[in-house]
Amino acid sequence: MGLLDALCEGIFVRRSDGRVHFFPWGAAGRGYALASEEEHRRLRGKTKRLLALGLLGCPLVAALATEPLGLRPMAAFALLLALFGVLRLAWLTRGLERSPERIT
């Protein structure tokens, strides 16, 4: 299991009924019940790519742009990444069945 798999493991929970629930905001928000294993694999892959962008993009911008331009590029990238992440998660969860359960 790789790092991204380990990071994704906590936001996908398999319940006793066999259904997988997706908690994009972790313990801070409600989850979504996924209808199929195919949907689970699709969301897991997209979530891993979003995490990879943050984990690789931030250090890359910091290493390449901080010295000549100061912290502004890093702050702008972090802000844009946060905005993109929120919008992307909203897009990914549209139409999913809301789960009344919370992550435990």
PDB file of N, CA and C in Angstrom:
ATOM      1  N   MET A   1       0.853  -1.179   0.000  1.00  0.00           N
ATOM      2  CA  MET A   1       0.000   0.000   0.000  1.00  0.00           C
ATOM      3  C   MET A   1       0.893   1.235   0.000  1.00  0.00           C
ATOM      4  N   GLY A   2       0.613   2.144  -0.888  1.00  0.00           N
ATOM      5  CA  GLY A   2       1.399   3.358  -0.995  1.00  0.00           C
ATOM      6  C   GLY A   2       0.891   4.455  -0.078  1.00  0.00           C
ATOM      7  N   LEU A   3       1.586   5.555  -0.093  1.00  0.00           N
ATOM      8  CA  LEU A   3       1.231   6.697   0.749  1.00  0.00           C
ATOM      9  C   LEU A   3      -0.155   7.232   0.411  1.00  0.00           C
ATOM     10  N   LEU A   4      -0.447   7.393  -0.871  1.00  0.00           N
ATOM     11  CA  LEU A   4      -1.755   7.925  -1.258  1.00  0.00           C
ATOM     12  C   LEU A   4      -2.880   6.965  -0.886  1.00  0.00           C
ATOM     13  N   ASP A   5      -2.632   5.665  -1.008  1.00  0.00           N
ATOM     14  CA  ASP A   5      -3.633   4.681  -0.580  1.00  0.00           C
ATOM     15  C   ASP A   5      -3.889   4.797   0.916  1.00  0.00           C
ATOM     16  N   ALA A   6      -2.823   4.966   1.682  1.00  0.00           N
ATOM     17  CA  ALA A   6      -2.976   5.091   3.132  1.00  0.00           C
ATOM     18  C   ALA A   6      -3.742   6.358   3.504  1.00  0.00           C
ATOM     19  N   LEU A   7      -3.490   7.454   2.792  1.00  0.00           N
ATOM     20  CA  LEU A   7      -4.213   8.690   3.073  1.00  0.00           C
ATOM     21  C   LEU A   7      -5.687   8.579   2.696  1.00  0.00           C
ATOM     22  N   CYS A   8      -5.984   7.842   1.645  1.00  0.00           N
ATOM     23  CA  CYS A   8      -7.379   7.662   1.207  1.00  0.00           C
ATOM     24  C   CYS A   8      -8.134   6.671   2.087  1.00  0.00           C
ATOM     25  N   GLU A   9      -7.415   5.792   2.742  1.00  0.00           N
ATOM     26  CA  GLU A   9      -8.050   4.728   3.515  1.00  0.00           C
ATOM     27  C   GLU A   9      -9.028   5.263   4.556  1.00  0.00           C
ATOM     28  N   GLY A  10      -8.701   6.380   5.191  1.00  0.00           N
ATOM     29  CA  GLY A  10      -9.533   6.910   6.265  1.00  0.00           C
ATOM     30  C   GLY A  10     -10.819   7.581   5.820  1.00  0.00           C
ATOM     31  N   ILE A  11     -10.926   7.961   4.564  1.00  0.00           N
ATOM     32  CA  ILE A  11     -12.142   8.655   4.124  1.00  0.00           C
ATOM     33  C   ILE A  11     -13.114   7.742   3.391  1.00  0.00           C
ATOM     34  N   PHE A  12     -12.713   6.502   3.162  1.00  0.00           N
ATOM     35  CA  PHE A  12     -13.605   5.489   2.594  1.00  0.00           C
ATOM     36  C   PHE A  12     -13.808   4.415   3.654  1.00  0.00           C
ATOM     37  N   VAL A  13     -15.040   4.251   4.103  1.00  0.00           N
ATOM     38  CA  VAL A  13     -15.346   3.318   5.183  1.00  0.00           C
ATOM     39  C   VAL A  13     -16.363   2.299   4.684  1.00  0.00           C
ATOM     40  N   ARG A  14     -16.046   1.021   4.864  1.00  0.00           N
ATOM     41  CA  ARG A  14     -16.992  -0.040   4.505  1.00  0.00           C
ATOM     42  C   ARG A  14     -17.818  -0.362   5.747  1.00  0.00           C
ATOM     43  N   ARG A  15     -19.118  -0.201   5.638  1.00  0.00           N
ATOM     44  CA  ARG A  15     -20.038  -0.440   6.752  1.00  0.00           C
ATOM     45  C   ARG A  15     -20.414  -1.923   6.825  1.00  0.00           C
ATOM     46  N   SER A  16     -21.103  -2.294   7.894  1.00  0.00           N
ATOM     47  CA  SER A  16     -21.465  -3.695   8.115  1.00  0.00           C
ATOM     48  C   SER A  16     -22.395  -4.244   7.034  1.00  0.00           C
ATOM     49  N   ASP A  17     -23.147  -3.376   6.375  1.00  0.00           N
ATOM     50  CA  ASP A  17     -24.039  -3.839   5.303  1.00  0.00           C
ATOM     51  C   ASP A  17     -23.293  -4.056   3.984  1.00  0.00           C
ATOM     52  N   GLY A  18     -21.998  -3.787   3.957  1.00  0.00           N
ATOM     53  CA  GLY A  18     -21.186  -4.001   2.769  1.00  0.00           C
ATOM     54  C   GLY A  18     -21.018  -2.780   1.888  1.00  0.00           C
ATOM     55  N   ARG A  19     -21.800  -1.741   2.130  1.00  0.00           N
ATOM     56  CA  ARG A  19     -21.693  -0.528   1.311  1.00  0.00           C
ATOM     57  C   ARG A  19     -20.509   0.315   1.764  1.00  0.00           C
ATOM     58  N   VAL A  20     -19.927   0.984   0.802  1.00  0.00           N
ATOM     59  CA  VAL A  20     -18.805   1.879   1.099  1.00  0.00           C
ATOM     60  C   VAL A  20     -19.352   3.290   1.229  1.00  0.00           C
ATOM     61  N   HIS A  21     -18.886   3.994   2.256  1.00  0.00           N
ATOM     62  CA  HIS A  21     -19.278   5.384   2.474  1.00  0.00           C
ATOM     63  C   HIS A  21     -18.046   6.258   2.276  1.00  0.00           C
ATOM     64  N   PHE A  22     -18.256   7.395   1.645  1.00  0.00           N
ATOM     65  CA  PHE A  22     -17.189   8.341   1.315  1.00  0.00           C
ATOM     66  C   PHE A  22     -17.359   9.567   2.199  1.00  0.00           C
ATOM     67  N   PHE A  23     -16.317   9.902   2.965  1.00  0.00           N
ATOM     68  CA  PHE A  23     -16.327  11.050   3.864  1.00  0.00           C
ATOM     69  C   PHE A  23     -15.260  12.045   3.397  1.00  0.00           C
ATOM     70  N   PRO A  24     -15.597  12.916   2.431  1.00  0.00           N
ATOM     71  CA  PRO A  24     -14.577  13.808   1.869  1.00  0.00           C
ATOM     72  C   PRO A  24     -14.023  14.815   2.870  1.00  0.00           C
ATOM     73  N   TRP A  25     -14.772  15.146   3.905  1.00  0.00           N
ATOM     74  CA  TRP A  25     -14.305  16.116   4.897  1.00  0.00           C
ATOM     75  C   TRP A  25     -13.886  15.437   6.188  1.00  0.00           C
ATOM     76  N   GLY A  26     -13.739  14.123   6.162  1.00  0.00           N
ATOM     77  CA  GLY A  26     -13.335  13.390   7.350  1.00  0.00           C
ATOM     78  C   GLY A  26     -14.395  13.468   8.435  1.00  0.00           C
ATOM     79  N   ALA A  27     -13.957  13.642   9.676  1.00  0.00           N
ATOM     80  CA  ALA A  27     -14.884  13.708  10.805  1.00  0.00           C
ATOM     81  C   ALA A  27     -15.633  15.034  10.860  1.00  0.00           C
ATOM     82  N   ALA A  28     -15.239  16.006  10.061  1.00  0.00           N
ATOM     83  CA  ALA A  28     -15.868  17.330  10.101  1.00  0.00           C
ATOM     84  C   ALA A  28     -17.176  17.399   9.318  1.00  0.00           C
ATOM     85  N   GLY A  29     -17.490  16.393   8.540  1.00  0.00           N
ATOM     86  CA  GLY A  29     -18.702  16.471   7.726  1.00  0.00           C
ATOM     87  C   GLY A  29     -19.394  15.140   7.575  1.00  0.00           C
ATOM     88  N   ARG A  30     -20.514  15.186   6.924  1.00  0.00           N
ATOM     89  CA  ARG A  30     -21.283  13.971   6.665  1.00  0.00           C
ATOM     90  C   ARG A  30     -20.696  13.221   5.476  1.00  0.00           C
ATOM     91  N   GLY A  31     -21.108  11.973   5.369  1.00  0.00           N
ATOM     92  CA  GLY A  31     -20.600  11.135   4.304  1.00  0.00           C
ATOM     93  C   GLY A  31     -21.622  10.902   3.212  1.00  0.00           C
ATOM     94  N   TYR A  32     -21.199  10.132   2.244  1.00  0.00           N
ATOM     95  CA  TYR A  32     -22.029   9.782   1.100  1.00  0.00           C
ATOM     96  C   TYR A  32     -21.950   8.278   0.902  1.00  0.00           C
ATOM     97  N   ALA A  33     -23.107   7.639   0.726  1.00  0.00           N
ATOM     98  CA  ALA A  33     -23.152   6.204   0.465  1.00  0.00           C
ATOM     99  C   ALA A  33     -22.908   5.976  -1.021  1.00  0.00           C
ATOM    100  N   LEU A  34     -21.979   5.102  -1.328  1.00  0.00           N
ATOM    101  CA  LEU A  34     -21.651   4.809  -2.719  1.00  0.00           C
ATOM    102  C   LEU A  34     -22.453   3.594  -3.181  1.00  0.00           C
ATOM    103  N   ALA A  35     -22.977   3.680  -4.375  1.00  0.00           N
ATOM    104  CA  ALA A  35     -23.893   2.656  -4.878  1.00  0.00           C
ATOM    105  C   ALA A  35     -23.182   1.385  -5.340  1.00  0.00           C
ATOM    106  N   SER A  36     -21.931   1.507  -5.792  1.00  0.00           N
ATOM    107  CA  SER A  36     -21.271   0.331  -6.363  1.00  0.00           C
ATOM    108  C   SER A  36     -19.765   0.375  -6.114  1.00  0.00           C
ATOM    109  N   GLU A  37     -19.143  -0.778  -6.339  1.00  0.00           N
ATOM    110  CA  GLU A  37     -17.685  -0.860  -6.234  1.00  0.00           C
ATOM    111  C   GLU A  37     -17.016  -0.030  -7.329  1.00  0.00           C
ATOM    112  N   GLU A  38     -17.653   0.034  -8.478  1.00  0.00           N
ATOM    113  CA  GLU A  38     -17.103   0.831  -9.579  1.00  0.00           C
ATOM    114  C   GLU A  38     -17.041   2.307  -9.189  1.00  0.00           C
ATOM    115  N   GLU A  39     -18.087   2.798  -8.550  1.00  0.00           N
ATOM    116  CA  GLU A  39     -18.100   4.191  -8.089  1.00  0.00           C
ATOM    117  C   GLU A  39     -17.040   4.409  -7.014  1.00  0.00           C
ATOM    118  N   HIS A  40     -16.852   3.412  -6.156  1.00  0.00           N
ATOM    119  CA  HIS A  40     -15.823   3.483  -5.120  1.00  0.00           C
ATOM    120  C   HIS A  40     -14.437   3.596  -5.750  1.00  0.00           C
ATOM    121  N   ARG A  41     -14.146   2.758  -6.738  1.00  0.00           N
ATOM    122  CA  ARG A  41     -12.837   2.812  -7.410  1.00  0.00           C
ATOM    123  C   ARG A  41     -12.633   4.142  -8.131  1.00  0.00           C
ATOM    124  N   ARG A  42     -13.688   4.630  -8.774  1.00  0.00           N
ATOM    125  CA  ARG A  42     -13.600   5.904  -9.505  1.00  0.00           C
ATOM    126  C   ARG A  42     -13.302   7.057  -8.547  1.00  0.00           C
ATOM    127  N   LEU A  43     -14.056   7.138  -7.449  1.00  0.00           N
ATOM    128  CA  LEU A  43     -13.841   8.219  -6.480  1.00  0.00           C
ATOM    129  C   LEU A  43     -12.486   8.102  -5.797  1.00  0.00           C
ATOM    130  N   ARG A  44     -12.080   6.883  -5.507  1.00  0.00           N
ATOM    131  CA  ARG A  44     -10.786   6.675  -4.854  1.00  0.00           C
ATOM    132  C   ARG A  44      -9.650   7.161  -5.758  1.00  0.00           C
ATOM    133  N   GLY A  45      -9.719   6.848  -7.044  1.00  0.00           N
ATOM    134  CA  GLY A  45      -8.690   7.294  -7.989  1.00  0.00           C
ATOM    135  C   GLY A  45      -8.644   8.807  -8.110  1.00  0.00           C
ATOM    136  N   LYS A  46      -9.805   9.429  -8.194  1.00  0.00           N
ATOM    137  CA  LYS A  46      -9.844  10.888  -8.323  1.00  0.00           C
ATOM    138  C   LYS A  46      -9.370  11.566  -7.038  1.00  0.00           C
ATOM    139  N   THR A  47      -9.700  10.988  -5.896  1.00  0.00           N
ATOM    140  CA  THR A  47      -9.247  11.538  -4.619  1.00  0.00           C
ATOM    141  C   THR A  47      -7.732  11.401  -4.488  1.00  0.00           C
ATOM    142  N   LYS A  48      -7.185  10.276  -4.927  1.00  0.00           N
ATOM    143  CA  LYS A  48      -5.735  10.090  -4.883  1.00  0.00           C
ATOM    144  C   LYS A  48      -5.016  11.098  -5.771  1.00  0.00           C
ATOM    145  N   ARG A  49      -5.574  11.390  -6.940  1.00  0.00           N
ATOM    146  CA  ARG A  49      -4.951  12.387  -7.826  1.00  0.00           C
ATOM    147  C   ARG A  49      -4.981  13.777  -7.201  1.00  0.00           C
ATOM    148  N   LEU A  50      -6.073  14.111  -6.532  1.00  0.00           N
ATOM    149  CA  LEU A  50      -6.173  15.409  -5.865  1.00  0.00           C
ATOM    150  C   LEU A  50      -5.155  15.508  -4.725  1.00  0.00           C
ATOM    151  N   LEU A  51      -5.004  14.438  -3.961  1.00  0.00           N
ATOM    152  CA  LEU A  51      -3.997  14.414  -2.899  1.00  0.00           C
ATOM    153  C   LEU A  51      -2.583  14.515  -3.473  1.00  0.00           C
ATOM    154  N   ALA A  52      -2.334  13.828  -4.573  1.00  0.00           N
ATOM    155  CA  ALA A  52      -1.008  13.878  -5.200  1.00  0.00           C
ATOM    156  C   ALA A  52      -0.679  15.288  -5.665  1.00  0.00           C
ATOM    157  N   LEU A  53      -1.671  15.977  -6.210  1.00  0.00           N
ATOM    158  CA  LEU A  53      -1.451  17.360  -6.645  1.00  0.00           C
ATOM    159  C   LEU A  53      -1.010  18.229  -5.471  1.00  0.00           C
ATOM    160  N   GLY A  54      -1.660  18.077  -4.341  1.00  0.00           N
ATOM    161  CA  GLY A  54      -1.288  18.861  -3.168  1.00  0.00           C
ATOM    162  C   GLY A  54       0.057  18.462  -2.586  1.00  0.00           C
ATOM    163  N   LEU A  55       0.297  17.145  -2.513  1.00  0.00           N
ATOM    164  CA  LEU A  55       1.540  16.667  -1.906  1.00  0.00           C
ATOM    165  C   LEU A  55       2.768  16.926  -2.771  1.00  0.00           C
ATOM    166  N   LEU A  56       2.598  16.931  -4.076  1.00  0.00           N
ATOM    167  CA  LEU A  56       3.734  17.176  -4.960  1.00  0.00           C
ATOM    168  C   LEU A  56       3.815  18.626  -5.417  1.00  0.00           C
ATOM    169  N   GLY A  57       2.664  19.256  -5.599  1.00  0.00           N
ATOM    170  CA  GLY A  57       2.637  20.621  -6.117  1.00  0.00           C
ATOM    171  C   GLY A  57       3.178  21.652  -5.147  1.00  0.00           C
ATOM    172  N   CYS A  58       2.788  21.554  -3.888  1.00  0.00           N
ATOM    173  CA  CYS A  58       3.231  22.552  -2.900  1.00  0.00           C
ATOM    174  C   CYS A  58       4.752  22.564  -2.731  1.00  0.00           C
ATOM    175  N   PRO A  59       5.388  21.418  -2.501  1.00  0.00           N
ATOM    176  CA  PRO A  59       6.853  21.457  -2.396  1.00  0.00           C
ATOM    177  C   PRO A  59       7.539  21.897  -3.689  1.00  0.00           C
ATOM    178  N   LEU A  60       6.968  21.520  -4.824  1.00  0.00           N
ATOM    179  CA  LEU A  60       7.557  21.913  -6.101  1.00  0.00           C
ATOM    180  C   LEU A  60       7.510  23.427  -6.288  1.00  0.00           C
ATOM    181  N   VAL A  61       6.366  24.030  -6.010  1.00  0.00           N
ATOM    182  CA  VAL A  61       6.249  25.492  -6.114  1.00  0.00           C
ATOM    183  C   VAL A  61       7.165  26.160  -5.095  1.00  0.00           C
ATOM    184  N   ALA A  62       7.224  25.612  -3.895  1.00  0.00           N
ATOM    185  CA  ALA A  62       8.095  26.190  -2.869  1.00  0.00           C
ATOM    186  C   ALA A  62       9.560  26.134  -3.294  1.00  0.00           C
ATOM    187  N   ALA A  63       9.967  25.029  -3.878  1.00  0.00           N
ATOM    188  CA  ALA A  63      11.367  24.878  -4.277  1.00  0.00           C
ATOM    189  C   ALA A  63      11.733  25.752  -5.472  1.00  0.00           C
ATOM    190  N   LEU A  64      10.817  25.907  -6.410  1.00  0.00           N
ATOM    191  CA  LEU A  64      11.143  26.622  -7.643  1.00  0.00           C
ATOM    192  C   LEU A  64      10.878  28.117  -7.591  1.00  0.00           C
ATOM    193  N   ALA A  65       9.879  28.542  -6.843  1.00  0.00           N
ATOM    194  CA  ALA A  65       9.463  29.941  -6.938  1.00  0.00           C
ATOM    195  C   ALA A  65       9.708  30.775  -5.691  1.00  0.00           C
ATOM    196  N   THR A  66       9.944  30.168  -4.555  1.00  0.00           N
ATOM    197  CA  THR A  66      10.064  30.937  -3.321  1.00  0.00           C
ATOM    198  C   THR A  66      11.309  31.815  -3.308  1.00  0.00           C
ATOM    199  N   GLU A  67      12.431  31.278  -3.726  1.00  0.00           N
ATOM    200  CA  GLU A  67      13.676  32.051  -3.667  1.00  0.00           C
ATOM    201  C   GLU A  67      13.631  33.303  -4.539  1.00  0.00           C
ATOM    202  N   PRO A  68      13.294  33.212  -5.813  1.00  0.00           N
ATOM    203  CA  PRO A  68      13.313  34.440  -6.620  1.00  0.00           C
ATOM    204  C   PRO A  68      12.119  35.362  -6.382  1.00  0.00           C
ATOM    205  N   LEU A  69      10.976  34.826  -5.982  1.00  0.00           N
ATOM    206  CA  LEU A  69       9.762  35.641  -5.912  1.00  0.00           C
ATOM    207  C   LEU A  69       9.167  35.791  -4.515  1.00  0.00           C
ATOM    208  N   GLY A  70       9.762  35.200  -3.522  1.00  0.00           N
ATOM    209  CA  GLY A  70       9.217  35.282  -2.173  1.00  0.00           C
ATOM    210  C   GLY A  70       8.101  34.265  -1.963  1.00  0.00           C
ATOM    211  N   LEU A  71       7.293  34.513  -0.960  1.00  0.00           N
ATOM    212  CA  LEU A  71       6.241  33.562  -0.608  1.00  0.00           C
ATOM    213  C   LEU A  71       4.947  33.745  -1.392  1.00  0.00           C
ATOM    214  N   ARG A  72       4.851  34.782  -2.183  1.00  0.00           N
ATOM    215  CA  ARG A  72       3.597  35.029  -2.920  1.00  0.00           C
ATOM    216  C   ARG A  72       3.189  33.872  -3.832  1.00  0.00           C
ATOM    217  N   PRO A  73       4.097  33.291  -4.620  1.00  0.00           N
ATOM    218  CA  PRO A  73       3.677  32.162  -5.469  1.00  0.00           C
ATOM    219  C   PRO A  73       3.175  30.968  -4.657  1.00  0.00           C
ATOM    220  N   MET A  74       3.825  30.701  -3.536  1.00  0.00           N
ATOM    221  CA  MET A  74       3.398  29.582  -2.692  1.00  0.00           C
ATOM    222  C   MET A  74       2.023  29.852  -2.102  1.00  0.00           C
ATOM    223  N   ALA A  75       1.804  31.059  -1.620  1.00  0.00           N
ATOM    224  CA  ALA A  75       0.501  31.413  -1.054  1.00  0.00           C
ATOM    225  C   ALA A  75      -0.586  31.362  -2.123  1.00  0.00           C
ATOM    226  N   ALA A  76      -0.279  31.854  -3.314  1.00  0.00           N
ATOM    227  CA  ALA A  76      -1.257  31.821  -4.408  1.00  0.00           C
ATOM    228  C   ALA A  76      -1.564  30.384  -4.810  1.00  0.00           C
ATOM    229  N   PHE A  77      -0.538  29.540  -4.890  1.00  0.00           N
ATOM    230  CA  PHE A  77      -0.761  28.141  -5.251  1.00  0.00           C
ATOM    231  C   PHE A  77      -1.592  27.437  -4.190  1.00  0.00           C
ATOM    232  N   ALA A  78      -1.280  27.673  -2.918  1.00  0.00           N
ATOM    233  CA  ALA A  78      -2.041  27.035  -1.839  1.00  0.00           C
ATOM    234  C   ALA A  78      -3.503  27.478  -1.867  1.00  0.00           C
ATOM    235  N   LEU A  79      -3.738  28.756  -2.103  1.00  0.00           N
ATOM    236  CA  LEU A  79      -5.108  29.264  -2.176  1.00  0.00           C
ATOM    237  C   LEU A  79      -5.857  28.663  -3.365  1.00  0.00           C
ATOM    238  N   LEU A  80      -5.219  28.639  -4.523  1.00  0.00           N
ATOM    239  CA  LEU A  80      -5.852  28.048  -5.707  1.00  0.00           C
ATOM    240  C   LEU A  80      -6.082  26.549  -5.539  1.00  0.00           C
ATOM    241  N   LEU A  81      -5.142  25.866  -4.902  1.00  0.00           N
ATOM    242  CA  LEU A  81      -5.297  24.437  -4.659  1.00  0.00           C
ATOM    243  C   LEU A  81      -6.462  24.170  -3.709  1.00  0.00           C
ATOM    244  N   ALA A  82      -6.586  24.976  -2.660  1.00  0.00           N
ATOM    245  CA  ALA A  82      -7.707  24.814  -1.728  1.00  0.00           C
ATOM    246  C   ALA A  82      -9.039  25.060  -2.430  1.00  0.00           C
ATOM    247  N   LEU A  83      -9.101  26.112  -3.225  1.00  0.00           N
ATOM    248  CA  LEU A  83     -10.326  26.410  -3.970  1.00  0.00           C
ATOM    249  C   LEU A  83     -10.650  25.288  -4.957  1.00  0.00           C
ATOM    250  N   PHE A  84      -9.645  24.831  -5.689  1.00  0.00           N
ATOM    251  CA  PHE A  84      -9.845  23.731  -6.627  1.00  0.00           C
ATOM    252  C   PHE A  84     -10.305  22.473  -5.894  1.00  0.00           C
ATOM    253  N   GLY A  85      -9.712  22.185  -4.734  1.00  0.00           N
ATOM    254  CA  GLY A  85     -10.085  20.995  -3.970  1.00  0.00           C
ATOM    255  C   GLY A  85     -11.528  21.031  -3.509  1.00  0.00           C
ATOM    256  N   VAL A  86     -11.957  22.171  -2.995  1.00  0.00           N
ATOM    257  CA  VAL A  86     -13.346  22.306  -2.537  1.00  0.00           C
ATOM    258  C   VAL A  86     -14.313  22.146  -3.707  1.00  0.00           C
ATOM    259  N   LEU A  87     -14.027  22.813  -4.812  1.00  0.00           N
ATOM    260  CA  LEU A  87     -14.900  22.707  -5.987  1.00  0.00           C
ATOM    261  C   LEU A  87     -14.891  21.294  -6.568  1.00  0.00           C
ATOM    262  N   ARG A  88     -13.734  20.677  -6.587  1.00  0.00           N
ATOM    263  CA  ARG A  88     -13.627  19.316  -7.126  1.00  0.00           C
ATOM    264  C   ARG A  88     -14.404  18.323  -6.273  1.00  0.00           C
ATOM    265  N   LEU A  89     -14.296  18.435  -4.948  1.00  0.00           N
ATOM    266  CA  LEU A  89     -15.044  17.528  -4.076  1.00  0.00           C
ATOM    267  C   LEU A  89     -16.546  17.761  -4.196  1.00  0.00           C
ATOM    268  N   ALA A  90     -16.950  19.015  -4.345  1.00  0.00           N
ATOM    269  CA  ALA A  90     -18.376  19.303  -4.547  1.00  0.00           C
ATOM    270  C   ALA A  90     -18.858  18.673  -5.852  1.00  0.00           C
ATOM    271  N   TRP A  91     -18.031  18.734  -6.887  1.00  0.00           N
ATOM    272  CA  TRP A  91     -18.393  18.151  -8.180  1.00  0.00           C
ATOM    273  C   TRP A  91     -18.458  16.620  -8.084  1.00  0.00           C
ATOM    274  N   LEU A  92     -17.501  16.024  -7.390  1.00  0.00           N
ATOM    275  CA  LEU A  92     -17.464  14.565  -7.275  1.00  0.00           C
ATOM    276  C   LEU A  92     -18.630  14.013  -6.464  1.00  0.00           C
ATOM    277  N   THR A  93     -19.120  14.778  -5.499  1.00  0.00           N
ATOM    278  CA  THR A  93     -20.182  14.277  -4.624  1.00  0.00           C
ATOM    279  C   THR A  93     -21.578  14.655  -5.096  1.00  0.00           C
ATOM    280  N   ARG A  94     -21.691  15.382  -6.193  1.00  0.00           N
ATOM    281  CA  ARG A  94     -23.020  15.746  -6.671  1.00  0.00           C
ATOM    282  C   ARG A  94     -23.772  14.475  -7.063  1.00  0.00           C
ATOM    283  N   GLY A  95     -25.008  14.404  -6.665  1.00  0.00           N
ATOM    284  CA  GLY A  95     -25.848  13.262  -7.008  1.00  0.00           C
ATOM    285  C   GLY A  95     -25.651  12.033  -6.144  1.00  0.00           C
ATOM    286  N   LEU A  96     -24.696  12.057  -5.228  1.00  0.00           N
ATOM    287  CA  LEU A  96     -24.506  10.906  -4.345  1.00  0.00           C
ATOM    288  C   LEU A  96     -25.512  10.959  -3.199  1.00  0.00           C
ATOM    289  N   GLU A  97     -25.881   9.795  -2.716  1.00  0.00           N
ATOM    290  CA  GLU A  97     -26.826   9.698  -1.604  1.00  0.00           C
ATOM    291  C   GLU A  97     -26.133  10.106  -0.302  1.00  0.00           C
ATOM    292  N   ARG A  98     -26.713  11.106   0.374  1.00  0.00           N
ATOM    293  CA  ARG A  98     -26.142  11.554   1.655  1.00  0.00           C
ATOM    294  C   ARG A  98     -26.365  10.485   2.713  1.00  0.00           C
ATOM    295  N   SER A  99     -25.371  10.281   3.529  1.00  0.00           N
ATOM    296  CA  SER A  99     -25.466   9.302   4.602  1.00  0.00           C
ATOM    297  C   SER A  99     -25.694  10.032   5.921  1.00  0.00           C
ATOM    298  N   PRO A 100     -26.650   9.584   6.728  1.00  0.00           N
ATOM    299  CA  PRO A 100     -26.860  10.229   8.026  1.00  0.00           C
ATOM    300  C   PRO A 100     -25.757   9.885   9.023  1.00  0.00           C
ATOM    301  N   GLU A 101     -24.959   8.880   8.698  1.00  0.00           N
ATOM    302  CA  GLU A 101     -23.903   8.439   9.606  1.00  0.00           C
ATOM    303  C   GLU A 101     -22.698   9.369   9.543  1.00  0.00           C
ATOM    304  N   ARG A 102     -21.978   9.383  10.626  1.00  0.00           N
ATOM    305  CA  ARG A 102     -20.716  10.122  10.686  1.00  0.00           C
ATOM    306  C   ARG A 102     -19.575   9.117  10.756  1.00  0.00           C
ATOM    307  N   ILE A 103     -18.416   9.578  10.403  1.00  0.00           N
ATOM    308  CA  ILE A 103     -17.240   8.707  10.467  1.00  0.00           C
ATOM    309  C   ILE A 103     -16.890   8.474  11.935  1.00  0.00           C
ATOM    310  N   THR A 104     -16.435   7.258  12.230  1.00  0.00           N
ATOM    311  CA  THR A 104     -16.063   6.943  13.621  1.00  0.00           C
ATOM    312  C   THR A 104     -14.619   6.553  13.691  1.00  0.00           C
TER     313      THR A 104
END
